[in-house]
């Protein structure tokens, strides 16, 4: 099926991704299971090559998905947080064959570009570690760190080495 109508499949995936984000009800829906289901659907679509590329190639897609994630994290619901992190991890590490390293680098650079967003994720992680709760959230966050900081995954994470008084500091972008 891989070579069969690839343009049509890509178009269908993009339409499905846009439909999910066009109907984003994260601020208005009280049913957190529905939001979790949206993330599960997004995750499956983003695991495809067309979905993985859509993050940086579709107009306004990155901003729309970022807004959805930020709104979701503010709900303070463990299931929604876990689903959002798992979907985010799908954008960091390709889950399809024949992936483009440049696309992986672009996705990582986009996700790691907001210091405020990363600090918010770290706050959620630290809260659960200190309270000894949210084991799935902690596990998902550790995957996030693995995909951005640990070899061989970190080879596609942009970084600049700076030397300061006998210490090497890495700045990720």
N, C-alpha and C. Protein backbone atom coordinates (compact mmCIF):
# COMPACT_ATOMS: atom_id res chain seq x y z
N UNK A 1 0.81 -1.21 0.00
CA UNK A 1 0.00 0.00 0.00
C UNK A 1 0.85 1.26 0.00
N UNK A 2 2.12 1.14 0.34
CA UNK A 2 2.97 2.31 0.50
C UNK A 2 3.01 3.18 -0.75
N UNK A 3 3.13 2.58 -1.93
CA UNK A 3 3.24 3.35 -3.16
C UNK A 3 1.90 3.62 -3.82
N UNK A 4 0.84 3.12 -3.27
CA UNK A 4 -0.48 3.23 -3.88
C UNK A 4 -1.13 4.56 -3.51
N UNK A 5 -1.29 5.44 -4.46
CA UNK A 5 -1.94 6.75 -4.28
C UNK A 5 -1.37 7.54 -3.10
N UNK A 6 -0.06 7.76 -3.05
CA UNK A 6 0.51 8.46 -1.89
C UNK A 6 0.00 9.89 -1.74
N UNK A 7 -0.27 10.58 -2.85
CA UNK A 7 -0.74 11.97 -2.75
C UNK A 7 -2.12 12.02 -2.10
N UNK A 8 -2.95 11.06 -2.47
CA UNK A 8 -4.30 11.03 -1.93
C UNK A 8 -4.29 10.71 -0.43
N UNK A 9 -3.42 9.76 -0.05
CA UNK A 9 -3.31 9.38 1.36
C UNK A 9 -2.81 10.57 2.18
N UNK A 10 -1.81 11.26 1.66
CA UNK A 10 -1.26 12.43 2.35
C UNK A 10 -2.33 13.51 2.52
N UNK A 11 -3.10 13.73 1.48
CA UNK A 11 -4.16 14.74 1.53
C UNK A 11 -5.23 14.36 2.57
N UNK A 12 -5.58 13.08 2.63
CA UNK A 12 -6.57 12.61 3.60
C UNK A 12 -6.06 12.79 5.04
N UNK A 13 -4.80 12.49 5.24
CA UNK A 13 -4.21 12.65 6.58
C UNK A 13 -4.21 14.12 6.97
N UNK A 14 -3.82 15.00 6.06
CA UNK A 14 -3.83 16.44 6.34
C UNK A 14 -5.24 16.93 6.63
N UNK A 15 -6.22 16.45 5.88
CA UNK A 15 -7.61 16.85 6.12
C UNK A 15 -8.08 16.38 7.49
N UNK A 16 -7.71 15.16 7.86
CA UNK A 16 -8.11 14.64 9.17
C UNK A 16 -7.45 15.44 10.30
N UNK A 17 -6.17 15.76 10.14
CA UNK A 17 -5.47 16.56 11.16
C UNK A 17 -6.13 17.93 11.31
N UNK A 18 -6.40 18.57 10.18
CA UNK A 18 -7.05 19.89 10.22
C UNK A 18 -8.44 19.81 10.82
N UNK A 19 -9.19 18.75 10.50
CA UNK A 19 -10.54 18.60 11.05
C UNK A 19 -10.49 18.48 12.58
N UNK A 20 -9.53 17.71 13.08
CA UNK A 20 -9.41 17.58 14.53
C UNK A 20 -9.08 18.92 15.19
N UNK A 21 -8.22 19.70 14.56
CA UNK A 21 -7.84 20.99 15.15
C UNK A 21 -8.88 22.07 14.88
N UNK A 22 -9.62 21.97 13.77
CA UNK A 22 -10.70 22.92 13.50
C UNK A 22 -11.81 22.79 14.53
N UNK A 23 -11.97 21.59 15.04
CA UNK A 23 -13.02 21.33 16.03
C UNK A 23 -12.43 21.20 17.43
N UNK A 24 -11.38 21.96 17.70
CA UNK A 24 -10.74 21.91 19.01
C UNK A 24 -11.66 22.54 20.05
N UNK A 25 -12.06 21.72 21.00
CA UNK A 25 -12.97 22.19 22.04
C UNK A 25 -12.31 22.10 23.42
N UNK A 26 -10.99 22.17 23.45
CA UNK A 26 -10.27 22.02 24.70
C UNK A 26 -10.72 23.02 25.76
N UNK A 27 -11.04 24.25 25.35
CA UNK A 27 -11.49 25.26 26.32
C UNK A 27 -12.93 25.11 26.74
N UNK A 28 -13.75 24.46 25.92
CA UNK A 28 -15.18 24.44 26.19
C UNK A 28 -15.72 23.09 26.64
N UNK A 29 -15.03 21.99 26.33
CA UNK A 29 -15.53 20.67 26.68
C UNK A 29 -15.12 20.31 28.09
N UNK A 30 -16.10 19.85 28.85
CA UNK A 30 -15.83 19.42 30.22
C UNK A 30 -15.45 17.95 30.23
N UNK A 31 -15.81 17.24 29.16
CA UNK A 31 -15.53 15.82 29.03
C UNK A 31 -14.06 15.62 28.64
N UNK A 32 -13.24 15.36 29.62
CA UNK A 32 -11.80 15.22 29.38
C UNK A 32 -11.48 13.96 28.59
N UNK A 33 -12.35 12.95 28.65
CA UNK A 33 -12.14 11.74 27.86
C UNK A 33 -12.20 12.05 26.37
N UNK A 34 -13.06 12.99 25.99
CA UNK A 34 -13.17 13.39 24.59
C UNK A 34 -11.86 14.04 24.13
N UNK A 35 -11.28 14.89 24.97
CA UNK A 35 -10.00 15.53 24.64
C UNK A 35 -8.90 14.47 24.54
N UNK A 36 -8.92 13.52 25.45
CA UNK A 36 -7.94 12.43 25.41
C UNK A 36 -8.09 11.65 24.09
N UNK A 37 -9.31 11.39 23.69
CA UNK A 37 -9.56 10.69 22.42
C UNK A 37 -9.03 11.49 21.23
N UNK A 38 -9.17 12.80 21.28
CA UNK A 38 -8.63 13.64 20.21
C UNK A 38 -7.11 13.47 20.12
N UNK A 39 -6.46 13.44 21.27
CA UNK A 39 -5.00 13.26 21.27
C UNK A 39 -4.60 11.88 20.74
N UNK A 40 -5.38 10.87 21.08
CA UNK A 40 -5.09 9.53 20.56
C UNK A 40 -5.20 9.51 19.04
N UNK A 41 -6.22 10.17 18.51
CA UNK A 41 -6.39 10.25 17.05
C UNK A 41 -5.26 11.05 16.42
N UNK A 42 -4.90 12.18 17.03
CA UNK A 42 -3.79 13.00 16.51
C UNK A 42 -2.50 12.20 16.52
N UNK A 43 -2.28 11.47 17.58
CA UNK A 43 -1.04 10.68 17.70
C UNK A 43 -0.93 9.66 16.57
N UNK A 44 -2.03 8.98 16.29
CA UNK A 44 -2.01 7.98 15.22
C UNK A 44 -1.76 8.63 13.87
N UNK A 45 -2.37 9.77 13.63
CA UNK A 45 -2.18 10.46 12.36
C UNK A 45 -0.77 11.02 12.22
N UNK A 46 -0.23 11.55 13.32
CA UNK A 46 1.11 12.13 13.30
C UNK A 46 2.20 11.07 13.21
N UNK A 47 1.87 9.82 13.51
CA UNK A 47 2.83 8.73 13.40
C UNK A 47 3.12 8.39 11.94
N UNK A 48 2.24 8.81 11.04
CA UNK A 48 2.47 8.57 9.62
C UNK A 48 3.48 9.57 9.09
N UNK A 49 4.07 9.26 7.95
CA UNK A 49 5.05 10.17 7.35
C UNK A 49 4.42 11.52 7.02
N UNK A 50 3.22 11.50 6.44
CA UNK A 50 2.53 12.75 6.09
C UNK A 50 2.18 13.56 7.33
N UNK A 51 1.79 12.88 8.39
CA UNK A 51 1.46 13.57 9.64
C UNK A 51 2.69 14.15 10.31
N UNK A 52 3.78 13.39 10.30
CA UNK A 52 5.03 13.85 10.90
C UNK A 52 5.54 15.11 10.20
N UNK A 53 5.40 15.15 8.88
CA UNK A 53 5.83 16.31 8.10
C UNK A 53 4.87 17.49 8.27
N UNK A 54 3.62 17.20 8.54
CA UNK A 54 2.60 18.25 8.64
C UNK A 54 2.92 19.26 9.74
N UNK A 55 3.61 18.82 10.78
CA UNK A 55 3.89 19.69 11.91
C UNK A 55 4.58 20.98 11.51
N UNK A 56 5.52 20.90 10.60
CA UNK A 56 6.23 22.12 10.18
C UNK A 56 5.85 22.56 8.77
N UNK A 57 5.12 21.74 8.04
CA UNK A 57 4.83 22.09 6.65
C UNK A 57 3.43 22.65 6.43
N UNK A 58 2.46 22.25 7.22
CA UNK A 58 1.11 22.79 7.04
C UNK A 58 1.03 24.17 7.68
N UNK A 59 0.41 25.13 7.01
CA UNK A 59 0.30 26.48 7.56
C UNK A 59 -0.44 26.50 8.90
N UNK A 60 0.14 27.17 9.87
CA UNK A 60 -0.44 27.39 11.20
C UNK A 60 -0.65 26.10 12.01
N UNK A 61 -0.23 24.97 11.49
CA UNK A 61 -0.46 23.71 12.19
C UNK A 61 0.29 23.66 13.52
N UNK A 62 1.54 24.05 13.48
CA UNK A 62 2.37 24.02 14.70
C UNK A 62 1.77 24.90 15.79
N UNK A 63 1.31 26.10 15.42
CA UNK A 63 0.72 27.02 16.39
C UNK A 63 -0.57 26.46 16.96
N UNK A 64 -1.38 25.85 16.10
CA UNK A 64 -2.66 25.31 16.54
C UNK A 64 -2.46 24.13 17.48
N UNK A 65 -1.52 23.27 17.18
CA UNK A 65 -1.28 22.12 18.03
C UNK A 65 -0.64 22.57 19.35
N UNK A 66 0.22 23.59 19.28
CA UNK A 66 0.83 24.14 20.50
C UNK A 66 -0.21 24.75 21.41
N UNK A 67 -1.15 25.48 20.84
CA UNK A 67 -2.22 26.09 21.63
C UNK A 67 -3.06 25.00 22.30
N UNK A 68 -3.37 23.95 21.56
CA UNK A 68 -4.16 22.85 22.12
C UNK A 68 -3.42 22.20 23.29
N UNK A 69 -2.12 21.99 23.15
CA UNK A 69 -1.35 21.35 24.21
C UNK A 69 -1.31 22.25 25.45
N UNK A 70 -1.05 23.53 25.26
CA UNK A 70 -0.99 24.45 26.41
C UNK A 70 -2.33 24.50 27.13
N UNK A 71 -3.42 24.60 26.39
CA UNK A 71 -4.76 24.61 27.00
C UNK A 71 -5.02 23.31 27.76
N UNK A 72 -4.60 22.21 27.16
CA UNK A 72 -4.83 20.90 27.78
C UNK A 72 -4.05 20.75 29.08
N UNK A 73 -2.81 21.21 29.09
CA UNK A 73 -2.00 21.09 30.30
C UNK A 73 -2.58 21.93 31.44
N UNK A 74 -3.26 23.02 31.09
CA UNK A 74 -3.89 23.87 32.11
C UNK A 74 -5.11 23.21 32.74
N UNK A 75 -5.65 22.18 32.10
CA UNK A 75 -6.80 21.46 32.66
C UNK A 75 -6.42 20.68 33.91
N UNK A 76 -5.13 20.40 34.06
CA UNK A 76 -4.62 19.68 35.23
C UNK A 76 -5.28 18.31 35.38
N UNK A 77 -5.47 17.62 34.26
CA UNK A 77 -6.05 16.28 34.24
C UNK A 77 -4.96 15.32 33.79
N UNK A 78 -4.68 14.32 34.61
CA UNK A 78 -3.57 13.41 34.32
C UNK A 78 -3.72 12.67 33.00
N UNK A 79 -4.93 12.20 32.68
CA UNK A 79 -5.13 11.46 31.44
C UNK A 79 -4.88 12.36 30.22
N UNK A 80 -5.38 13.57 30.28
CA UNK A 80 -5.20 14.51 29.18
C UNK A 80 -3.73 14.89 29.06
N UNK A 81 -3.07 15.13 30.18
CA UNK A 81 -1.65 15.48 30.17
C UNK A 81 -0.82 14.36 29.56
N UNK A 82 -1.09 13.14 29.98
CA UNK A 82 -0.36 11.99 29.44
C UNK A 82 -0.58 11.87 27.93
N UNK A 83 -1.81 11.99 27.49
CA UNK A 83 -2.12 11.88 26.06
C UNK A 83 -1.44 12.98 25.25
N UNK A 84 -1.42 14.19 25.81
CA UNK A 84 -0.77 15.30 25.13
C UNK A 84 0.74 15.06 25.01
N UNK A 85 1.36 14.57 26.08
CA UNK A 85 2.80 14.28 26.05
C UNK A 85 3.12 13.16 25.07
N UNK A 86 2.30 12.14 25.03
CA UNK A 86 2.53 11.03 24.10
C UNK A 86 2.43 11.52 22.65
N UNK A 87 1.45 12.39 22.39
CA UNK A 87 1.32 12.95 21.05
C UNK A 87 2.54 13.80 20.71
N UNK A 88 3.00 14.57 21.68
CA UNK A 88 4.18 15.41 21.49
C UNK A 88 5.41 14.55 21.19
N UNK A 89 5.55 13.43 21.89
CA UNK A 89 6.67 12.52 21.65
C UNK A 89 6.64 11.94 20.24
N UNK A 90 5.45 11.77 19.70
CA UNK A 90 5.32 11.28 18.33
C UNK A 90 5.95 12.25 17.35
N UNK A 91 5.92 13.53 17.68
CA UNK A 91 6.52 14.54 16.81
C UNK A 91 8.04 14.63 16.95
N UNK A 92 8.57 14.07 18.01
CA UNK A 92 10.01 14.11 18.24
C UNK A 92 10.75 12.94 17.60
N UNK A 93 10.11 11.80 17.55
CA UNK A 93 10.77 10.59 17.05
C UNK A 93 9.88 9.93 16.01
N UNK A 94 10.33 9.84 14.77
CA UNK A 94 9.51 9.24 13.71
C UNK A 94 9.13 7.80 14.03
N UNK A 95 7.90 7.46 13.74
CA UNK A 95 7.42 6.10 13.97
C UNK A 95 7.09 5.41 12.65
N UNK A 96 7.62 5.95 11.56
CA UNK A 96 7.37 5.38 10.25
C UNK A 96 8.72 5.08 9.59
N UNK A 97 8.67 4.26 8.58
CA UNK A 97 9.89 3.90 7.84
C UNK A 97 10.27 5.00 6.88
N UNK A 98 11.51 4.98 6.47
CA UNK A 98 11.99 5.91 5.45
C UNK A 98 11.76 7.37 5.84
N UNK A 99 12.17 7.72 7.05
CA UNK A 99 11.95 9.08 7.52
C UNK A 99 13.10 9.99 7.12
N UNK A 100 12.82 11.26 7.14
CA UNK A 100 13.76 12.29 6.74
C UNK A 100 14.38 12.91 8.00
N UNK A 101 15.69 12.79 8.16
CA UNK A 101 16.36 13.34 9.35
C UNK A 101 16.16 14.85 9.47
N UNK A 102 16.13 15.53 8.35
CA UNK A 102 15.93 16.98 8.37
C UNK A 102 14.56 17.32 8.96
N UNK A 103 13.55 16.53 8.62
CA UNK A 103 12.21 16.77 9.16
C UNK A 103 12.19 16.55 10.67
N UNK A 104 12.90 15.51 11.13
CA UNK A 104 13.00 15.26 12.56
C UNK A 104 13.68 16.44 13.26
N UNK A 105 14.73 16.98 12.65
CA UNK A 105 15.42 18.14 13.23
C UNK A 105 14.50 19.35 13.29
N UNK A 106 13.72 19.57 12.25
CA UNK A 106 12.80 20.71 12.22
C UNK A 106 11.73 20.57 13.30
N UNK A 107 11.20 19.37 13.46
CA UNK A 107 10.19 19.15 14.49
C UNK A 107 10.76 19.42 15.88
N UNK A 108 11.94 18.88 16.13
CA UNK A 108 12.57 19.07 17.44
C UNK A 108 12.88 20.54 17.69
N UNK A 109 13.40 21.21 16.70
CA UNK A 109 13.72 22.63 16.86
C UNK A 109 12.46 23.44 17.16
N UNK A 110 11.36 23.11 16.52
CA UNK A 110 10.11 23.83 16.76
C UNK A 110 9.59 23.59 18.17
N UNK A 111 9.63 22.34 18.61
CA UNK A 111 9.12 22.00 19.95
C UNK A 111 10.01 22.58 21.04
N UNK A 112 11.31 22.58 20.82
CA UNK A 112 12.25 23.06 21.84
C UNK A 112 12.49 24.57 21.78
N UNK A 113 11.78 25.27 20.93
CA UNK A 113 12.05 26.69 20.73
C UNK A 113 11.46 27.60 21.80
N UNK A 114 10.48 27.13 22.55
CA UNK A 114 9.84 27.98 23.55
C UNK A 114 10.30 27.61 24.96
N UNK A 115 11.07 28.48 25.55
CA UNK A 115 11.56 28.25 26.91
C UNK A 115 10.40 28.16 27.90
N UNK A 116 9.40 29.00 27.72
CA UNK A 116 8.24 29.01 28.63
C UNK A 116 7.50 27.67 28.56
N UNK A 117 7.32 27.15 27.37
CA UNK A 117 6.64 25.87 27.19
C UNK A 117 7.42 24.75 27.88
N UNK A 118 8.73 24.72 27.66
CA UNK A 118 9.57 23.69 28.26
C UNK A 118 9.58 23.79 29.79
N UNK A 119 9.60 25.01 30.30
CA UNK A 119 9.54 25.19 31.76
C UNK A 119 8.22 24.70 32.32
N UNK A 120 7.13 24.91 31.58
CA UNK A 120 5.82 24.41 32.00
C UNK A 120 5.79 22.89 32.06
N UNK A 121 6.40 22.25 31.05
CA UNK A 121 6.48 20.79 31.06
C UNK A 121 7.31 20.30 32.25
N UNK A 122 8.41 20.98 32.50
CA UNK A 122 9.27 20.60 33.61
C UNK A 122 8.54 20.76 34.94
N UNK A 123 7.75 21.81 35.10
CA UNK A 123 6.97 22.01 36.33
C UNK A 123 6.00 20.85 36.56
N UNK A 124 5.34 20.41 35.50
CA UNK A 124 4.41 19.28 35.61
C UNK A 124 5.17 18.02 36.02
N UNK A 125 6.31 17.79 35.39
CA UNK A 125 7.13 16.64 35.71
C UNK A 125 7.57 16.67 37.18
N UNK A 126 8.09 17.81 37.61
CA UNK A 126 8.58 17.93 39.00
C UNK A 126 7.44 17.76 40.01
N UNK A 127 6.28 18.29 39.69
CA UNK A 127 5.11 18.15 40.58
C UNK A 127 4.81 16.68 40.82
N UNK A 128 4.79 15.90 39.76
CA UNK A 128 4.47 14.48 39.89
C UNK A 128 5.60 13.69 40.56
N UNK A 129 6.83 14.07 40.30
CA UNK A 129 7.95 13.39 40.96
C UNK A 129 7.90 13.65 42.46
N UNK A 130 7.69 14.90 42.85
CA UNK A 130 7.65 15.25 44.28
C UNK A 130 6.48 14.61 45.00
N UNK A 131 5.34 14.51 44.32
CA UNK A 131 4.13 13.94 44.95
C UNK A 131 4.06 12.43 44.78
N UNK A 132 5.03 11.87 44.05
CA UNK A 132 5.04 10.43 43.80
C UNK A 132 3.74 9.98 43.12
N UNK A 133 3.30 10.75 42.12
CA UNK A 133 2.08 10.45 41.38
C UNK A 133 2.37 10.49 39.88
N UNK A 134 1.38 10.15 39.10
CA UNK A 134 1.48 10.31 37.65
C UNK A 134 2.59 9.53 37.00
N UNK A 135 2.68 8.24 37.30
CA UNK A 135 3.79 7.45 36.76
C UNK A 135 3.81 7.43 35.23
N UNK A 136 2.64 7.42 34.59
CA UNK A 136 2.62 7.44 33.13
C UNK A 136 3.10 8.78 32.59
N UNK A 137 2.77 9.86 33.29
CA UNK A 137 3.23 11.19 32.88
C UNK A 137 4.75 11.28 33.02
N UNK A 138 5.26 10.77 34.13
CA UNK A 138 6.71 10.77 34.35
C UNK A 138 7.40 9.94 33.27
N UNK A 139 6.85 8.78 32.97
CA UNK A 139 7.42 7.92 31.94
C UNK A 139 7.41 8.61 30.58
N UNK A 140 6.31 9.26 30.25
CA UNK A 140 6.20 9.96 28.98
C UNK A 140 7.17 11.13 28.91
N UNK A 141 7.33 11.84 30.03
CA UNK A 141 8.28 12.95 30.07
C UNK A 141 9.72 12.44 29.93
N UNK A 142 10.01 11.29 30.53
CA UNK A 142 11.34 10.71 30.37
C UNK A 142 11.60 10.32 28.91
N UNK A 143 10.55 9.86 28.22
CA UNK A 143 10.68 9.62 26.77
C UNK A 143 10.99 10.92 26.05
N UNK A 144 10.32 11.99 26.43
CA UNK A 144 10.56 13.31 25.85
C UNK A 144 12.04 13.68 26.01
N UNK A 145 12.56 13.51 27.22
CA UNK A 145 13.96 13.81 27.48
C UNK A 145 14.89 12.89 26.69
N UNK A 146 14.53 11.63 26.60
CA UNK A 146 15.34 10.68 25.83
C UNK A 146 15.43 11.09 24.37
N UNK A 147 14.29 11.45 23.79
CA UNK A 147 14.26 11.82 22.37
C UNK A 147 14.99 13.14 22.09
N UNK A 148 15.17 13.96 23.10
CA UNK A 148 15.83 15.24 22.86
C UNK A 148 17.27 15.28 23.36
N UNK A 149 17.62 14.48 24.36
CA UNK A 149 18.93 14.61 24.98
C UNK A 149 19.86 13.41 24.85
N UNK A 150 19.32 12.21 24.67
CA UNK A 150 20.14 11.00 24.73
C UNK A 150 20.48 10.45 23.35
N UNK A 151 21.73 10.04 23.16
CA UNK A 151 22.11 9.41 21.90
C UNK A 151 21.34 8.11 21.72
N UNK A 152 21.02 7.69 20.54
CA UNK A 152 21.29 8.32 19.26
C UNK A 152 20.25 9.37 18.88
N UNK A 153 19.20 9.49 19.67
CA UNK A 153 18.11 10.42 19.33
C UNK A 153 18.57 11.87 19.33
N UNK A 154 19.47 12.22 20.23
CA UNK A 154 19.90 13.61 20.37
C UNK A 154 20.74 14.09 19.19
N UNK A 155 21.15 13.18 18.34
CA UNK A 155 21.95 13.58 17.18
C UNK A 155 21.19 14.49 16.24
N UNK A 156 19.85 14.48 16.34
CA UNK A 156 19.04 15.37 15.51
C UNK A 156 18.50 16.55 16.30
N UNK A 157 18.96 16.71 17.53
CA UNK A 157 18.59 17.87 18.33
C UNK A 157 19.66 18.93 18.14
N UNK A 158 19.27 20.12 17.72
CA UNK A 158 20.23 21.20 17.55
C UNK A 158 20.81 21.60 18.89
N UNK A 159 22.10 21.78 18.93
CA UNK A 159 22.73 22.23 20.18
C UNK A 159 24.01 22.97 19.85
N UNK A 160 24.33 23.84 20.75
CA UNK A 160 25.54 24.63 20.60
C UNK A 160 26.33 24.48 21.88
N UNK A 161 27.59 24.14 21.78
CA UNK A 161 28.42 23.94 22.96
C UNK A 161 29.10 25.25 23.33
N UNK A 162 28.94 25.66 24.57
CA UNK A 162 29.60 26.86 25.08
C UNK A 162 30.48 26.45 26.27
N UNK A 163 31.61 27.04 26.37
CA UNK A 163 32.52 26.74 27.48
C UNK A 163 32.50 27.89 28.47
N UNK A 164 32.30 27.55 29.73
CA UNK A 164 32.34 28.55 30.79
C UNK A 164 33.08 27.97 31.98
N UNK A 165 34.18 28.53 32.35
CA UNK A 165 34.97 28.16 33.51
C UNK A 165 35.02 26.65 33.76
N UNK A 166 35.72 25.92 32.98
CA UNK A 166 35.93 24.48 33.15
C UNK A 166 34.67 23.64 32.97
N UNK A 167 33.59 24.21 32.52
CA UNK A 167 32.36 23.45 32.32
C UNK A 167 31.90 23.62 30.87
N UNK A 168 31.35 22.56 30.34
CA UNK A 168 30.74 22.63 29.02
C UNK A 168 29.23 22.71 29.20
N UNK A 169 28.63 23.67 28.61
CA UNK A 169 27.21 23.86 28.70
C UNK A 169 26.60 23.70 27.30
N UNK A 170 25.55 22.93 27.20
CA UNK A 170 24.87 22.77 25.91
C UNK A 170 23.61 23.60 25.89
N UNK A 171 23.45 24.36 24.86
CA UNK A 171 22.25 25.15 24.67
C UNK A 171 21.46 24.51 23.54
N UNK A 172 20.24 24.06 23.85
CA UNK A 172 19.41 23.39 22.85
C UNK A 172 18.50 24.39 22.18
N UNK A 173 18.34 24.25 20.89
CA UNK A 173 17.44 25.12 20.15
C UNK A 173 16.68 24.32 19.12
